Amino acid sequence: MRPVRATRTTQSWRCPPVRCRRQFASRSGNNDNMPRRDHYLPAGLIGGFGRPHDNSPRRRRAKVCIRTRPPENKLTPEIKADSVAWDRGQYDVDNPTDDLPADWAEQIWQLYEDALPDAAKALEQPGFSPDDWATVLKHIRAAWIRNPGFDTDAVTHLTVPGASLSNDQVQQARKTAYEQLPHVLASARFAVIRKSEMAPRFIIDNRGFVPLYDEVAAQSGVLFPLTGNVAVMMVYEAAGPEDDYATAPFAELMLTADGAKAFHSATWNHQGIDLVIGHPDDASWIAELTDEAEAWLPRIGPYRGTAKTVLAWAA
C-alpha cells in the first residue's frame, strides 16, 4: 500500500490562505465603544481540548495550550479557552436588511453552541444519541462560514476573481453559503474518529477544520476535531443512494498513534491558519511541530485493525 498524503485542497472547506487580525488575547470583556468579541470557534468547543479550570463545569474556562504560526512562532503553555481565536465585529452588518439582519450570525450560532460541548464529549464513546450527532452536524455546517478565512474564500470561490466585496456582501455570502451547505453534506459520508489509548490527543487550528486528500483512494475530505479524544471526518461525494448522513455517521474508527501524528502535521501545515490549540500537557510536542511540504500517513493505514487509508473507509 502506498502512503497517503494529507494536504491542502481547493473546494468548499478547501480554502486559500488568509491572516487573521487577532487570534488570542490575555484579557476578556468588551468595551462599550468597541465591537463585540466574535469567536471563530465556540469557546466551549475550544475548552474540550484543554484542562478544566478549578473544577468549573464551564468548558470555556478550561486552560489550553496554543502555538502561533511563524513568524511569531510563540508557545503559550496555558491560556483560558475563551481568550483564543476571536476578533471584534467579525460578523457585524453595516446596513441591516430583512434578508440580512444584524443578528443573522447569532441566530445560527444559537442553534448549536450551548449543546455542542456536551455533544462533542458524548461522541468520545459509542452509543451517543441522535441529538448529539445532530448538534455536531450543525457545528460542521457552520464551520466554513465562521472561520477567519471566509472573507478571502468569498472572493476566491464565490465571485469573479479579483473582485472587491464590501463587508455586507461578505456577510451575505456567509449566509448564502450556509443555506447551500446541506447539499454538500448530503453528498458526503461521515466517520467518527476516536484516538486509541496510545495515540496523542487531537489538536485544532483556528479555522476549525483540516482539508485532506487521499492519493490512494483519490478522494478529498475534511477533518473536524471536536475534543482531544474525538473528531469527525467528512469525505466529499461519497454518499450512496441509501445513505442518510443526518441519522448517524457512516463509520466509527479508532486512530492509531502514527495516524494521530500525521493529522497533527496536517493541522499545523493547514494553509492560512494562525495557531493551533491543544492540551497544556501536550505543550512539549506541540512546540516541536514542524513545517512539511507533505504530511504522510503510515503505510499500514491510520486506523487500528484496518489497513484502509485515511479516506478509503468511505468507498
C-alpha atoms as a PDB file:
ATOM      1  CA  MET A   1       0.000   0.000   0.000  1.00  0.00           C
ATOM      2  CA  ARG A   2       1.357   3.377  -0.955  1.00  0.00           C
ATOM      3  CA  PRO A   3       1.499   6.170   1.621  1.00  0.00           C
ATOM      4  CA  VAL A   4      -1.361   8.624   1.709  1.00  0.00           C
ATOM      5  CA  ARG A   5      -0.913  12.346   1.654  1.00  0.00           C
ATOM      6  CA  ALA A   6      -2.874  14.760   3.801  1.00  0.00           C
ATOM      7  CA  THR A   7      -2.752  18.109   2.050  1.00  0.00           C
ATOM      8  CA  ARG A   8      -4.477  21.329   1.082  1.00  0.00           C
ATOM      9  CA  THR A   9      -7.261  21.311  -1.481  1.00  0.00           C
ATOM     10  CA  THR A  10      -9.406  23.952  -3.127  1.00  0.00           C
ATOM     11  CA  GLN A  11     -13.177  23.468  -2.747  1.00  0.00           C
ATOM     12  CA  SER A  12     -15.715  24.340  -0.008  1.00  0.00           C
ATOM     13  CA  TRP A  13     -13.688  23.876   3.182  1.00  0.00           C
ATOM     14  CA  ARG A  14     -10.583  23.702   0.940  1.00  0.00           C
ATOM     15  CA  CYS A  15      -9.577  27.297   1.391  1.00  0.00           C
ATOM     16  CA  PRO A  16      -6.834  29.765   0.324  1.00  0.00           C
ATOM     17  CA  PRO A  17      -4.509  31.450   2.828  1.00  0.00           C
ATOM     18  CA  VAL A  18      -5.617  34.333   4.983  1.00  0.00           C
ATOM     19  CA  ARG A  19      -4.211  36.030   8.052  1.00  0.00           C
ATOM     20  CA  CYS A  20      -6.466  36.987  10.952  1.00  0.00           C
ATOM     21  CA  ARG A  21      -6.346  40.353  12.656  1.00  0.00           C
ATOM     22  CA  ARG A  22      -6.425  38.874  16.138  1.00  0.00           C
ATOM     23  CA  GLN A  23      -6.350  35.278  17.317  1.00  0.00           C
ATOM     24  CA  PHE A  24      -5.860  35.403  21.069  1.00  0.00           C
ATOM     25  CA  ALA A  25      -5.697  37.872  23.901  1.00  0.00           C
ATOM     26  CA  SER A  26      -4.717  37.908  27.538  1.00  0.00           C
ATOM     27  CA  ARG A  27      -7.880  39.684  28.653  1.00  0.00           C
ATOM     28  CA  SER A  28     -11.605  39.271  28.074  1.00  0.00           C
ATOM     29  CA  GLY A  29     -14.612  41.550  28.143  1.00  0.00           C
ATOM     30  CA  ASN A  30     -15.919  44.211  25.795  1.00  0.00           C
ATOM     31  CA  ASN A  31     -15.532  47.943  25.831  1.00  0.00           C
ATOM     32  CA  ASP A  32     -18.882  49.586  25.135  1.00  0.00           C
ATOM     33  CA  ASN A  33     -17.237  51.643  22.382  1.00  0.00           C
ATOM     34  CA  MET A  34     -15.783  48.605  20.615  1.00  0.00           C
ATOM     35  CA  PRO A  35     -17.443  45.887  18.533  1.00  0.00           C
ATOM     36  CA  ARG A  36     -18.208  42.697  20.434  1.00  0.00           C
ATOM     37  CA  ARG A  37     -15.811  39.779  20.506  1.00  0.00           C
ATOM     38  CA  ASP A  38     -16.714  37.141  17.916  1.00  0.00           C
ATOM     39  CA  HIS A  39     -15.210  33.688  18.364  1.00  0.00           C
ATOM     40  CA  TYR A  40     -14.308  31.783  15.213  1.00  0.00           C
ATOM     41  CA  LEU A  41     -14.704  28.596  17.252  1.00  0.00           C
ATOM     42  CA  PRO A  42     -17.193  28.231  20.106  1.00  0.00           C
ATOM     43  CA  ALA A  43     -15.260  28.833  23.324  1.00  0.00           C
ATOM     44  CA  GLY A  44     -16.864  25.757  24.867  1.00  0.00           C
ATOM     45  CA  LEU A  45     -15.544  23.649  21.988  1.00  0.00           C
ATOM     46  CA  ILE A  46     -12.033  25.047  22.461  1.00  0.00           C
ATOM     47  CA  GLY A  47     -12.204  24.128  26.137  1.00  0.00           C
ATOM     48  CA  GLY A  48     -12.746  20.486  25.197  1.00  0.00           C
ATOM     49  CA  PHE A  49      -9.114  20.380  24.076  1.00  0.00           C
ATOM     50  CA  GLY A  50      -7.818  21.584  27.447  1.00  0.00           C
ATOM     51  CA  ARG A  51      -7.775  21.088  31.192  1.00  0.00           C
ATOM     52  CA  PRO A  52     -10.830  22.061  33.273  1.00  0.00           C
ATOM     53  CA  HIS A  53     -10.224  25.183  35.317  1.00  0.00           C
ATOM     54  CA  ASP A  54     -10.758  24.824  39.065  1.00  0.00           C
ATOM     55  CA  ASN A  55     -13.412  22.146  38.519  1.00  0.00           C
ATOM     56  CA  SER A  56     -15.586  24.676  36.694  1.00  0.00           C
ATOM     57  CA  PRO A  57     -18.269  22.989  34.563  1.00  0.00           C
ATOM     58  CA  ARG A  58     -17.902  25.783  32.006  1.00  0.00           C
ATOM     59  CA  ARG A  59     -15.568  24.459  29.329  1.00  0.00           C
ATOM     60  CA  ARG A  60     -14.896  27.981  28.076  1.00  0.00           C
ATOM     61  CA  ARG A  61     -12.895  28.493  31.283  1.00  0.00           C
ATOM     62  CA  ALA A  62     -10.655  25.479  30.649  1.00  0.00           C
ATOM     63  CA  LYS A  63      -6.937  26.049  30.141  1.00  0.00           C
ATOM     64  CA  VAL A  64      -5.460  25.219  26.737  1.00  0.00           C
ATOM     65  CA  CYS A  65      -2.038  25.420  25.128  1.00  0.00           C
ATOM     66  CA  ILE A  66      -1.595  27.421  21.939  1.00  0.00           C
ATOM     67  CA  ARG A  67       1.248  27.832  19.475  1.00  0.00           C
ATOM     68  CA  THR A  68       1.160  30.574  16.873  1.00  0.00           C
ATOM     69  CA  ARG A  69       2.466  30.090  13.371  1.00  0.00           C
ATOM     70  CA  PRO A  70       5.684  31.739  12.207  1.00  0.00           C
ATOM     71  CA  PRO A  71       6.889  34.425  12.098  1.00  0.00           C
ATOM     72  CA  GLU A  72       5.690  34.882  15.687  1.00  0.00           C
ATOM     73  CA  ASN A  73       6.008  31.155  16.469  1.00  0.00           C
ATOM     74  CA  LYS A  74       5.158  31.611  20.148  1.00  0.00           C
ATOM     75  CA  LEU A  75       4.153  28.821  22.515  1.00  0.00           C
ATOM     76  CA  THR A  76       1.734  29.728  25.324  1.00  0.00           C
ATOM     77  CA  PRO A  77       1.553  26.680  27.629  1.00  0.00           C
ATOM     78  CA  GLU A  78      -1.675  27.777  29.353  1.00  0.00           C
ATOM     79  CA  ILE A  79      -4.358  30.265  28.392  1.00  0.00           C
ATOM     80  CA  LYS A  80      -8.103  30.375  29.023  1.00  0.00           C
ATOM     81  CA  ALA A  81     -10.172  28.859  26.229  1.00  0.00           C
ATOM     82  CA  ASP A  82     -12.428  31.888  25.772  1.00  0.00           C
ATOM     83  CA  SER A  83      -9.351  34.082  25.196  1.00  0.00           C
ATOM     84  CA  VAL A  84      -8.470  32.219  22.000  1.00  0.00           C
ATOM     85  CA  ALA A  85      -9.491  32.514  18.310  1.00  0.00           C
ATOM     86  CA  TRP A  86     -11.601  35.666  18.262  1.00  0.00           C
ATOM     87  CA  ASP A  87     -11.811  39.055  16.600  1.00  0.00           C
ATOM     88  CA  ARG A  88     -14.068  42.042  17.108  1.00  0.00           C
ATOM     89  CA  GLY A  89     -17.108  42.576  14.917  1.00  0.00           C
ATOM     90  CA  GLN A  90     -16.244  39.739  12.548  1.00  0.00           C
ATOM     91  CA  TYR A  91     -19.899  39.085  11.646  1.00  0.00           C
ATOM     92  CA  ASP A  92     -21.307  42.597  12.108  1.00  0.00           C
ATOM     93  CA  VAL A  93     -23.636  44.010   9.429  1.00  0.00           C
ATOM     94  CA  ASP A  94     -23.156  47.649   8.477  1.00  0.00           C
ATOM     95  CA  ASN A  95     -26.609  48.157   6.936  1.00  0.00           C
ATOM     96  CA  PRO A  96     -29.088  45.508   8.144  1.00  0.00           C
ATOM     97  CA  THR A  97     -31.955  44.421   5.880  1.00  0.00           C
ATOM     98  CA  ASP A  98     -34.805  41.951   6.154  1.00  0.00           C
ATOM     99  CA  ASP A  99     -32.680  39.400   4.278  1.00  0.00           C
ATOM    100  CA  LEU A 100     -29.509  40.178   6.253  1.00  0.00           C
ATOM    101  CA  PRO A 101     -30.493  41.180   9.798  1.00  0.00           C
ATOM    102  CA  ALA A 102     -27.916  42.472  12.242  1.00  0.00           C
ATOM    103  CA  ASP A 103     -28.083  39.266  14.283  1.00  0.00           C
ATOM    104  CA  TRP A 104     -28.013  36.816  11.363  1.00  0.00           C
ATOM    105  CA  ALA A 105     -24.886  35.074  12.673  1.00  0.00           C
ATOM    106  CA  GLU A 106     -26.086  34.800  16.266  1.00  0.00           C
ATOM    107  CA  GLN A 107     -29.268  33.181  15.028  1.00  0.00           C
ATOM    108  CA  ILE A 108     -27.100  30.389  13.574  1.00  0.00           C
ATOM    109  CA  TRP A 109     -24.651  30.073  16.470  1.00  0.00           C
ATOM    110  CA  GLN A 110     -27.539  29.805  18.952  1.00  0.00           C
ATOM    111  CA  LEU A 111     -28.800  26.695  17.152  1.00  0.00           C
ATOM    112  CA  TYR A 112     -25.901  24.623  18.485  1.00  0.00           C
ATOM    113  CA  GLU A 113     -23.343  26.443  20.655  1.00  0.00           C
ATOM    114  CA  ASP A 114     -24.792  25.674  24.082  1.00  0.00           C
ATOM    115  CA  ALA A 115     -25.264  21.985  23.304  1.00  0.00           C
ATOM    116  CA  LEU A 116     -22.001  21.479  21.370  1.00  0.00           C
ATOM    117  CA  PRO A 117     -19.519  20.852  24.241  1.00  0.00           C
ATOM    118  CA  ASP A 118     -21.652  18.053  25.707  1.00  0.00           C
ATOM    119  CA  ALA A 119     -22.405  16.600  22.265  1.00  0.00           C
ATOM    120  CA  ALA A 120     -18.713  16.569  21.354  1.00  0.00           C
ATOM    121  CA  LYS A 121     -17.903  14.880  24.662  1.00  0.00           C
ATOM    122  CA  ALA A 122     -20.619  12.283  24.030  1.00  0.00           C
ATOM    123  CA  LEU A 123     -19.017  11.288  20.709  1.00  0.00           C
ATOM    124  CA  GLU A 124     -15.899  10.190  22.584  1.00  0.00           C
ATOM    125  CA  GLN A 125     -17.740   6.927  23.357  1.00  0.00           C
ATOM    126  CA  PRO A 126     -20.029   4.656  21.297  1.00  0.00           C
ATOM    127  CA  GLY A 127     -23.714   4.974  21.988  1.00  0.00           C
ATOM    128  CA  PHE A 128     -24.074   8.747  21.577  1.00  0.00           C
ATOM    129  CA  SER A 129     -27.587   9.950  20.879  1.00  0.00           C
ATOM    130  CA  PRO A 130     -29.125  11.160  17.596  1.00  0.00           C
ATOM    131  CA  ASP A 131     -29.428  14.598  19.220  1.00  0.00           C
ATOM    132  CA  ASP A 132     -25.667  14.615  19.893  1.00  0.00           C
ATOM    133  CA  TRP A 133     -24.988  13.775  16.246  1.00  0.00           C
ATOM    134  CA  ALA A 134     -27.414  16.447  15.035  1.00  0.00           C
ATOM    135  CA  THR A 135     -25.681  19.081  17.158  1.00  0.00           C
ATOM    136  CA  VAL A 136     -22.257  18.146  15.795  1.00  0.00           C
ATOM    137  CA  LEU A 137     -23.593  18.370  12.235  1.00  0.00           C
ATOM    138  CA  LYS A 138     -24.838  21.902  12.936  1.00  0.00           C
ATOM    139  CA  HIS A 139     -21.322  22.821  14.022  1.00  0.00           C
ATOM    140  CA  ILE A 140     -19.838  21.260  10.873  1.00  0.00           C
ATOM    141  CA  ARG A 141     -22.335  23.136   8.707  1.00  0.00           C
ATOM    142  CA  ALA A 142     -21.352  26.444  10.315  1.00  0.00           C
ATOM    143  CA  ALA A 143     -17.593  25.845  10.345  1.00  0.00           C
ATOM    144  CA  TRP A 144     -16.750  27.199   6.893  1.00  0.00           C
ATOM    145  CA  ILE A 145     -18.750  30.415   7.143  1.00  0.00           C
ATOM    146  CA  ARG A 146     -17.484  31.022  10.676  1.00  0.00           C
ATOM    147  CA  ASN A 147     -13.763  30.599  10.003  1.00  0.00           C
ATOM    148  CA  PRO A 148     -11.492  33.661   9.745  1.00  0.00           C
ATOM    149  CA  GLY A 149     -10.599  32.942   6.124  1.00  0.00           C
ATOM    150  CA  PHE A 150     -14.099  33.173   4.738  1.00  0.00           C
ATOM    151  CA  ASP A 151     -13.741  36.773   3.535  1.00  0.00           C
ATOM    152  CA  THR A 152     -10.928  35.641   1.251  1.00  0.00           C
ATOM    153  CA  ASP A 153     -12.822  32.475   0.338  1.00  0.00           C
ATOM    154  CA  ALA A 154     -15.810  34.544  -0.724  1.00  0.00           C
ATOM    155  CA  VAL A 155     -13.730  36.448  -3.262  1.00  0.00           C
ATOM    156  CA  THR A 156     -11.836  33.373  -4.477  1.00  0.00           C
ATOM    157  CA  HIS A 157     -14.688  30.879  -4.745  1.00  0.00           C
ATOM    158  CA  LEU A 158     -17.944  32.822  -4.863  1.00  0.00           C
ATOM    159  CA  THR A 159     -17.241  35.828  -7.110  1.00  0.00           C
ATOM    160  CA  VAL A 160     -15.276  36.870 -10.164  1.00  0.00           C
ATOM    161  CA  PRO A 161     -11.541  36.535  -9.343  1.00  0.00           C
ATOM    162  CA  GLY A 162     -10.083  39.842  -8.253  1.00  0.00           C
ATOM    163  CA  ALA A 163     -13.448  41.281  -7.253  1.00  0.00           C
ATOM    164  CA  SER A 164     -13.740  43.532  -4.242  1.00  0.00           C
ATOM    165  CA  LEU A 165     -16.561  42.867  -1.788  1.00  0.00           C
ATOM    166  CA  SER A 166     -17.983  45.172   0.831  1.00  0.00           C
ATOM    167  CA  ASN A 167     -18.339  43.921   4.397  1.00  0.00           C
ATOM    168  CA  ASP A 168     -22.078  43.360   3.968  1.00  0.00           C
ATOM    169  CA  GLN A 169     -21.503  41.466   0.726  1.00  0.00           C
ATOM    170  CA  VAL A 170     -19.157  39.153   2.612  1.00  0.00           C
ATOM    171  CA  GLN A 171     -21.768  38.665   5.352  1.00  0.00           C
ATOM    172  CA  GLN A 172     -24.413  37.921   2.721  1.00  0.00           C
ATOM    173  CA  ALA A 173     -22.044  35.408   1.126  1.00  0.00           C
ATOM    174  CA  ARG A 174     -21.608  33.714   4.514  1.00  0.00           C
ATOM    175  CA  LYS A 175     -25.363  33.461   4.975  1.00  0.00           C
ATOM    176  CA  THR A 176     -25.959  32.207   1.425  1.00  0.00           C
ATOM    177  CA  ALA A 177     -23.196  29.598   1.697  1.00  0.00           C
ATOM    178  CA  TYR A 178     -24.684  28.360   4.970  1.00  0.00           C
ATOM    179  CA  GLU A 179     -28.061  27.919   3.309  1.00  0.00           C
ATOM    180  CA  GLN A 180     -26.497  25.906   0.475  1.00  0.00           C
ATOM    181  CA  LEU A 181     -24.210  23.672   2.545  1.00  0.00           C
ATOM    182  CA  PRO A 182     -26.795  20.912   3.260  1.00  0.00           C
ATOM    183  CA  HIS A 183     -26.397  19.853  -0.384  1.00  0.00           C
ATOM    184  CA  VAL A 184     -22.656  19.352   0.195  1.00  0.00           C
ATOM    185  CA  LEU A 185     -23.254  17.437   3.430  1.00  0.00           C
ATOM    186  CA  ALA A 186     -25.896  15.191   1.873  1.00  0.00           C
ATOM    187  CA  SER A 187     -23.440  14.080  -0.824  1.00  0.00           C
ATOM    188  CA  ALA A 188     -20.774  13.128   1.740  1.00  0.00           C
ATOM    189  CA  ARG A 189     -20.041  10.269   4.113  1.00  0.00           C
ATOM    190  CA  PHE A 190     -19.012  10.867   7.714  1.00  0.00           C
ATOM    191  CA  ALA A 191     -16.986   8.905  10.241  1.00  0.00           C
ATOM    192  CA  VAL A 192     -16.422   9.426  13.945  1.00  0.00           C
ATOM    193  CA  ILE A 193     -12.666   9.101  14.560  1.00  0.00           C
ATOM    194  CA  ARG A 194     -11.563   8.344  18.115  1.00  0.00           C
ATOM    195  CA  LYS A 195      -7.958   8.211  19.222  1.00  0.00           C
ATOM    196  CA  SER A 196      -6.653   4.933  20.566  1.00  0.00           C
ATOM    197  CA  GLU A 197      -5.241   4.709  24.080  1.00  0.00           C
ATOM    198  CA  MET A 198      -1.644   5.107  22.886  1.00  0.00           C
ATOM    199  CA  ALA A 199      -2.358   7.888  20.389  1.00  0.00           C
ATOM    200  CA  PRO A 200      -1.674  11.515  21.344  1.00  0.00           C
ATOM    201  CA  ARG A 201      -4.629  13.866  21.666  1.00  0.00           C
ATOM    202  CA  PHE A 202      -6.113  15.760  18.727  1.00  0.00           C
ATOM    203  CA  ILE A 203      -5.276  19.424  18.242  1.00  0.00           C
ATOM    204  CA  ILE A 204      -7.390  22.023  16.446  1.00  0.00           C
ATOM    205  CA  ASP A 205      -6.420  25.115  14.468  1.00  0.00           C
ATOM    206  CA  ASN A 206      -8.138  28.498  14.476  1.00  0.00           C
ATOM    207  CA  ARG A 207     -10.076  27.648  11.311  1.00  0.00           C
ATOM    208  CA  GLY A 208     -11.597  24.603  12.977  1.00  0.00           C
ATOM    209  CA  PHE A 209     -11.118  22.055  10.190  1.00  0.00           C
ATOM    210  CA  VAL A 210      -8.313  20.346   8.243  1.00  0.00           C
ATOM    211  CA  PRO A 211      -8.598  19.593   4.484  1.00  0.00           C
ATOM    212  CA  LEU A 212      -7.208  16.176   3.488  1.00  0.00           C
ATOM    213  CA  TYR A 213      -6.530  14.366   0.232  1.00  0.00           C
ATOM    214  CA  ASP A 214      -6.095  10.598  -0.099  1.00  0.00           C
ATOM    215  CA  GLU A 215      -3.917   9.806  -3.128  1.00  0.00           C
ATOM    216  CA  VAL A 216      -4.673   6.081  -2.986  1.00  0.00           C
ATOM    217  CA  ALA A 217      -8.449   6.482  -2.780  1.00  0.00           C
ATOM    218  CA  ALA A 218      -8.363   9.642  -4.954  1.00  0.00           C
ATOM    219  CA  GLN A 219     -10.787  11.330  -2.581  1.00  0.00           C
ATOM    220  CA  SER A 220     -10.961  14.659  -0.752  1.00  0.00           C
ATOM    221  CA  GLY A 221     -12.226  15.163   2.762  1.00  0.00           C
ATOM    222  CA  VAL A 222     -12.153  17.315   5.869  1.00  0.00           C
ATOM    223  CA  LEU A 223     -11.276  16.544   9.478  1.00  0.00           C
ATOM    224  CA  PHE A 224     -13.262  18.367  12.182  1.00  0.00           C
ATOM    225  CA  PRO A 225     -11.585  17.924  15.604  1.00  0.00           C
ATOM    226  CA  LEU A 226     -14.179  18.064  18.400  1.00  0.00           C
ATOM    227  CA  THR A 227     -12.187  17.308  21.574  1.00  0.00           C
ATOM    228  CA  GLY A 228      -8.744  15.990  22.330  1.00  0.00           C
ATOM    229  CA  ASN A 229     -10.184  12.483  22.009  1.00  0.00           C
ATOM    230  CA  VAL A 230     -12.529  12.578  19.025  1.00  0.00           C
ATOM    231  CA  ALA A 231     -13.003  14.124  15.595  1.00  0.00           C
ATOM    232  CA  VAL A 232     -15.420  13.761  12.691  1.00  0.00           C
ATOM    233  CA  MET A 233     -14.189  13.166   9.163  1.00  0.00           C
ATOM    234  CA  MET A 234     -16.201  14.035   6.073  1.00  0.00           C
ATOM    235  CA  VAL A 235     -15.483  12.632   2.593  1.00  0.00           C
ATOM    236  CA  TYR A 236     -16.879  14.575  -0.356  1.00  0.00           C
ATOM    237  CA  GLU A 237     -19.211  12.999  -2.912  1.00  0.00           C
ATOM    238  CA  ALA A 238     -19.011   9.534  -1.336  1.00  0.00           C
ATOM    239  CA  ALA A 239     -22.640   9.032  -0.282  1.00  0.00           C
ATOM    240  CA  GLY A 240     -24.663   6.163  -1.702  1.00  0.00           C
ATOM    241  CA  PRO A 241     -28.357   6.360  -2.636  1.00  0.00           C
ATOM    242  CA  GLU A 242     -29.439   4.828   0.680  1.00  0.00           C
ATOM    243  CA  ASP A 243     -27.220   6.994   2.891  1.00  0.00           C
ATOM    244  CA  ASP A 244     -28.723   9.387   5.413  1.00  0.00           C
ATOM    245  CA  TYR A 245     -25.937  11.462   6.917  1.00  0.00           C
ATOM    246  CA  ALA A 246     -28.364  13.199   9.285  1.00  0.00           C
ATOM    247  CA  THR A 247     -29.267   9.957  11.087  1.00  0.00           C
ATOM    248  CA  ALA A 248     -25.836   8.581  12.002  1.00  0.00           C
ATOM    249  CA  PRO A 249     -22.220   8.535  10.786  1.00  0.00           C
ATOM    250  CA  PHE A 250     -21.283   6.004   8.130  1.00  0.00           C
ATOM    251  CA  ALA A 251     -18.414   4.599  10.227  1.00  0.00           C
ATOM    252  CA  GLU A 252     -16.736   4.757  13.627  1.00  0.00           C
ATOM    253  CA  LEU A 253     -12.949   4.244  13.577  1.00  0.00           C
ATOM    254  CA  MET A 254     -10.065   4.165  16.060  1.00  0.00           C
ATOM    255  CA  LEU A 255      -6.993   6.215  15.189  1.00  0.00           C
ATOM    256  CA  THR A 256      -3.527   4.755  15.688  1.00  0.00           C
ATOM    257  CA  ALA A 257      -0.642   6.698  17.209  1.00  0.00           C
ATOM    258  CA  ASP A 258       1.014   7.162  13.799  1.00  0.00           C
ATOM    259  CA  GLY A 259      -2.275   8.262  12.284  1.00  0.00           C
ATOM    260  CA  ALA A 260      -2.749  10.854  15.031  1.00  0.00           C
ATOM    261  CA  LYS A 261       0.734  12.255  14.458  1.00  0.00           C
ATOM    262  CA  ALA A 262       0.019  12.566  10.736  1.00  0.00           C
ATOM    263  CA  PHE A 263      -3.149  14.538  11.474  1.00  0.00           C
ATOM    264  CA  HIS A 264      -1.172  16.790  13.830  1.00  0.00           C
ATOM    265  CA  SER A 265       1.205  17.532  10.977  1.00  0.00           C
ATOM    266  CA  ALA A 266      -1.667  18.219   8.585  1.00  0.00           C
ATOM    267  CA  THR A 267      -3.253  20.563  11.144  1.00  0.00           C
ATOM    268  CA  TRP A 268      -0.042  22.525  11.747  1.00  0.00           C
ATOM    269  CA  ASN A 269       0.502  22.770   7.989  1.00  0.00           C
ATOM    270  CA  HIS A 270      -3.091  23.785   7.184  1.00  0.00           C
ATOM    271  CA  GLN A 271      -2.792  26.711   4.806  1.00  0.00           C
ATOM    272  CA  GLY A 272      -3.826  30.080   6.209  1.00  0.00           C
ATOM    273  CA  ILE A 273      -4.044  29.236   9.911  1.00  0.00           C
ATOM    274  CA  ASP A 274      -2.581  31.418  12.646  1.00  0.00           C
ATOM    275  CA  LEU A 275      -2.380  28.998  15.559  1.00  0.00           C
ATOM    276  CA  VAL A 276      -3.066  25.521  16.861  1.00  0.00           C
ATOM    277  CA  ILE A 277      -4.752  24.654  20.150  1.00  0.00           C
ATOM    278  CA  GLY A 278      -4.178  21.608  22.351  1.00  0.00           C
ATOM    279  CA  HIS A 279      -3.934  20.322  25.888  1.00  0.00           C
ATOM    280  CA  PRO A 280      -1.427  22.018  28.243  1.00  0.00           C
ATOM    281  CA  ASP A 281       0.127  18.614  28.973  1.00  0.00           C
ATOM    282  CA  ASP A 282       0.970  18.319  25.268  1.00  0.00           C
ATOM    283  CA  ALA A 283       2.889  21.608  25.073  1.00  0.00           C
ATOM    284  CA  SER A 284       6.254  19.877  24.604  1.00  0.00           C
ATOM    285  CA  TRP A 285       5.339  18.039  21.411  1.00  0.00           C
ATOM    286  CA  ILE A 286       3.159  20.881  20.109  1.00  0.00           C
ATOM    287  CA  ALA A 287       6.304  23.034  20.341  1.00  0.00           C
ATOM    288  CA  GLU A 288       8.118  20.524  18.102  1.00  0.00           C
ATOM    289  CA  LEU A 289       5.629  20.524  15.210  1.00  0.00           C
ATOM    290  CA  THR A 290       7.493  21.364  12.018  1.00  0.00           C
ATOM    291  CA  ASP A 291       6.617  22.707   8.581  1.00  0.00           C
ATOM    292  CA  GLU A 292       6.481  19.996   5.944  1.00  0.00           C
ATOM    293  CA  ALA A 293       5.696  20.066   2.266  1.00  0.00           C
ATOM    294  CA  GLU A 294       3.632  16.906   2.754  1.00  0.00           C
ATOM    295  CA  ALA A 295       2.077  15.169   5.741  1.00  0.00           C
ATOM    296  CA  TRP A 296       2.483  11.418   5.224  1.00  0.00           C
ATOM    297  CA  LEU A 297       0.210   8.827   6.745  1.00  0.00           C
ATOM    298  CA  PRO A 298       1.545   5.379   7.696  1.00  0.00           C
ATOM    299  CA  ARG A 299       1.741   2.720   5.003  1.00  0.00           C
ATOM    300  CA  ILE A 300      -0.251   0.248   7.097  1.00  0.00           C
ATOM    301  CA  GLY A 301      -3.155   2.659   7.475  1.00  0.00           C
ATOM    302  CA  PRO A 302      -4.030   5.201  10.147  1.00  0.00           C
ATOM    303  CA  TYR A 303      -6.779   3.178  11.837  1.00  0.00           C
ATOM    304  CA  ARG A 304      -6.482   0.375  14.364  1.00  0.00           C
ATOM    305  CA  GLY A 305      -7.487  -3.016  12.994  1.00  0.00           C
ATOM    306  CA  THR A 306      -7.647  -1.941   9.354  1.00  0.00           C
ATOM    307  CA  ALA A 307      -5.184  -1.272   6.555  1.00  0.00           C
ATOM    308  CA  LYS A 308      -7.523   1.207   4.874  1.00  0.00           C
ATOM    309  CA  THR A 309      -6.073   4.584   4.035  1.00  0.00           C
ATOM    310  CA  VAL A 310      -7.272   7.861   5.506  1.00  0.00           C
ATOM    311  CA  LEU A 311     -10.410   8.242   3.357  1.00  0.00           C
ATOM    312  CA  ALA A 312     -10.800   4.753   1.847  1.00  0.00           C
ATOM    313  CA  TRP A 313     -13.330   3.773   4.541  1.00  0.00           C
ATOM    314  CA  ALA A 314     -15.899   5.892   2.703  1.00  0.00           C
ATOM    315  CA  ALA A 315     -15.712   3.869  -0.525  1.00  0.00           C
END
